[in-house]
């Protein structure tokens, strides 16, 4: 009878030890996966911040260039309005004349 109780107690202790070992393995694996997940998240956050900073710098440069283009367009418009030059005449300065640019075609004769 004594051995029966000892066997039950020992089996209970062994079962509890196996459960404890399984729980210990589970917590070890979950801790490692949490550390890896945290490192991945920190890396993504770092590159996300760098990307948004670069995007901010590019948008600031584009805004500066757009402001300078607006100033040039205003200057041209004021010039056209003040000098009384028609828009077509002004634009025709930049478009090449078809008569001046046409070349005569030379035909090569075969020997």
Protein backbone atom coordinates (compact mmCIF):
# COMPACT_ATOMS: atom_id res chain seq x y z
CA UNK A 1 0.00 0.00 0.00
CA UNK A 2 2.84 2.34 0.85
CA UNK A 3 4.45 1.78 -2.53
CA UNK A 4 1.15 2.54 -4.23
CA UNK A 5 0.96 5.97 -2.55
CA UNK A 6 4.60 6.64 -3.32
CA UNK A 7 3.99 5.74 -6.93
CA UNK A 8 1.02 8.15 -7.12
CA UNK A 9 3.00 10.91 -5.45
CA UNK A 10 6.02 10.32 -7.68
CA UNK A 11 3.85 10.26 -10.80
CA UNK A 12 2.22 13.50 -9.67
CA UNK A 13 5.62 15.12 -9.13
CA UNK A 14 6.88 13.87 -12.48
CA UNK A 15 3.74 15.19 -14.21
CA UNK A 16 4.18 18.53 -12.51
CA UNK A 17 7.85 18.60 -13.53
CA UNK A 18 6.92 17.86 -17.16
CA UNK A 19 4.30 20.59 -17.07
CA UNK A 20 6.81 22.99 -15.57
CA UNK A 21 9.40 22.11 -18.23
CA UNK A 22 6.82 22.57 -21.00
CA UNK A 23 5.80 25.94 -19.56
CA UNK A 24 9.45 26.94 -19.25
CA UNK A 25 10.07 26.05 -22.90
CA UNK A 26 6.94 27.97 -23.94
CA UNK A 27 8.03 31.11 -22.10
CA UNK A 28 11.56 30.84 -23.49
CA UNK A 29 10.29 30.56 -27.07
CA UNK A 30 7.75 33.37 -26.62
CA UNK A 31 10.44 35.63 -25.12
CA UNK A 32 12.78 35.03 -28.05
CA UNK A 33 9.98 35.69 -30.55
CA UNK A 34 9.01 38.88 -28.71
CA UNK A 35 12.61 40.13 -28.84
CA UNK A 36 12.81 39.39 -32.58
CA UNK A 37 9.47 41.09 -33.19
CA UNK A 38 10.60 44.14 -31.20
CA UNK A 39 13.83 44.38 -33.20
CA UNK A 40 11.91 44.16 -36.48
CA UNK A 41 9.47 46.83 -35.34
CA UNK A 42 12.31 49.12 -34.23
CA UNK A 43 14.04 48.67 -37.59
CA UNK A 44 10.84 49.45 -39.49
CA UNK A 45 10.25 52.51 -37.33
CA UNK A 46 13.81 53.75 -37.94
CA UNK A 47 13.51 53.45 -41.72
CA UNK A 48 10.01 54.92 -41.63
CA UNK A 49 11.29 58.01 -39.83
CA UNK A 50 14.18 58.36 -42.31
CA UNK A 51 11.79 58.01 -45.24
CA UNK A 52 9.37 60.61 -43.89
CA UNK A 53 12.25 63.03 -43.21
CA UNK A 54 13.51 62.65 -46.78
CA UNK A 55 9.98 63.11 -48.07
CA UNK A 56 9.70 66.33 -46.04
CA UNK A 57 12.99 67.65 -47.47
CA UNK A 58 11.97 66.83 -51.04
CA UNK A 59 8.57 68.48 -50.62
CA UNK A 60 10.25 71.57 -49.18
CA UNK A 61 12.58 71.77 -52.21
CA UNK A 62 9.66 71.30 -54.60
CA UNK A 63 7.75 74.10 -52.85
CA UNK A 64 10.75 76.41 -53.20
CA UNK A 65 11.06 75.63 -56.91
CA UNK A 66 7.33 76.13 -57.46
CA UNK A 67 7.54 79.52 -55.75
CA UNK A 68 10.37 80.55 -58.08
CA UNK A 69 8.37 79.39 -61.13
CA UNK A 70 5.38 81.43 -59.94
CA UNK A 71 7.62 84.52 -59.71
CA UNK A 72 8.91 83.97 -63.25
CA UNK A 73 5.38 83.51 -64.63
CA UNK A 74 4.21 86.69 -62.88
CA UNK A 75 7.16 88.60 -64.34
CA UNK A 76 6.40 87.37 -67.86
CA UNK A 77 2.71 88.22 -67.48
CA UNK A 78 3.51 91.72 -66.23
CA UNK A 79 5.91 92.22 -69.14
CA UNK A 80 3.27 91.15 -71.64
CA UNK A 81 0.60 93.34 -70.02
CA UNK A 82 2.80 96.46 -69.67
CA UNK A 83 4.48 96.39 -73.06
CA UNK A 84 1.27 95.73 -74.93
CA UNK A 85 2.76 92.79 -76.76
CA UNK A 86 0.15 90.29 -77.82
CA UNK A 87 0.53 86.83 -76.44
CA UNK A 88 0.86 85.32 -79.89
CA UNK A 89 3.69 87.64 -80.83
CA UNK A 90 5.47 86.87 -77.58
CA UNK A 91 5.11 83.12 -78.02
CA UNK A 92 6.17 83.29 -81.66
CA UNK A 93 9.63 84.37 -80.53
CA UNK A 94 10.23 80.93 -79.12
CA UNK A 95 8.67 78.89 -81.93
CA UNK A 96 10.98 78.46 -84.93
CA UNK A 97 9.68 79.59 -88.29
CA UNK A 98 8.92 76.67 -90.59
CA UNK A 99 10.15 78.50 -93.70
CA UNK A 100 13.56 79.22 -92.23
CA UNK A 101 14.17 75.74 -90.89
CA UNK A 102 13.14 73.72 -93.94
CA UNK A 103 15.99 72.25 -95.95
CA UNK A 104 16.05 71.11 -99.52
CA UNK A 105 16.14 67.40 -99.94
CA UNK A 106 19.01 66.13 -101.98
CA UNK A 107 18.60 62.95 -103.86
CA UNK A 108 21.64 60.75 -104.22
CA UNK A 109 21.98 58.96 -107.48
CA UNK A 110 23.01 55.38 -107.57
CA UNK A 111 26.14 54.62 -109.59
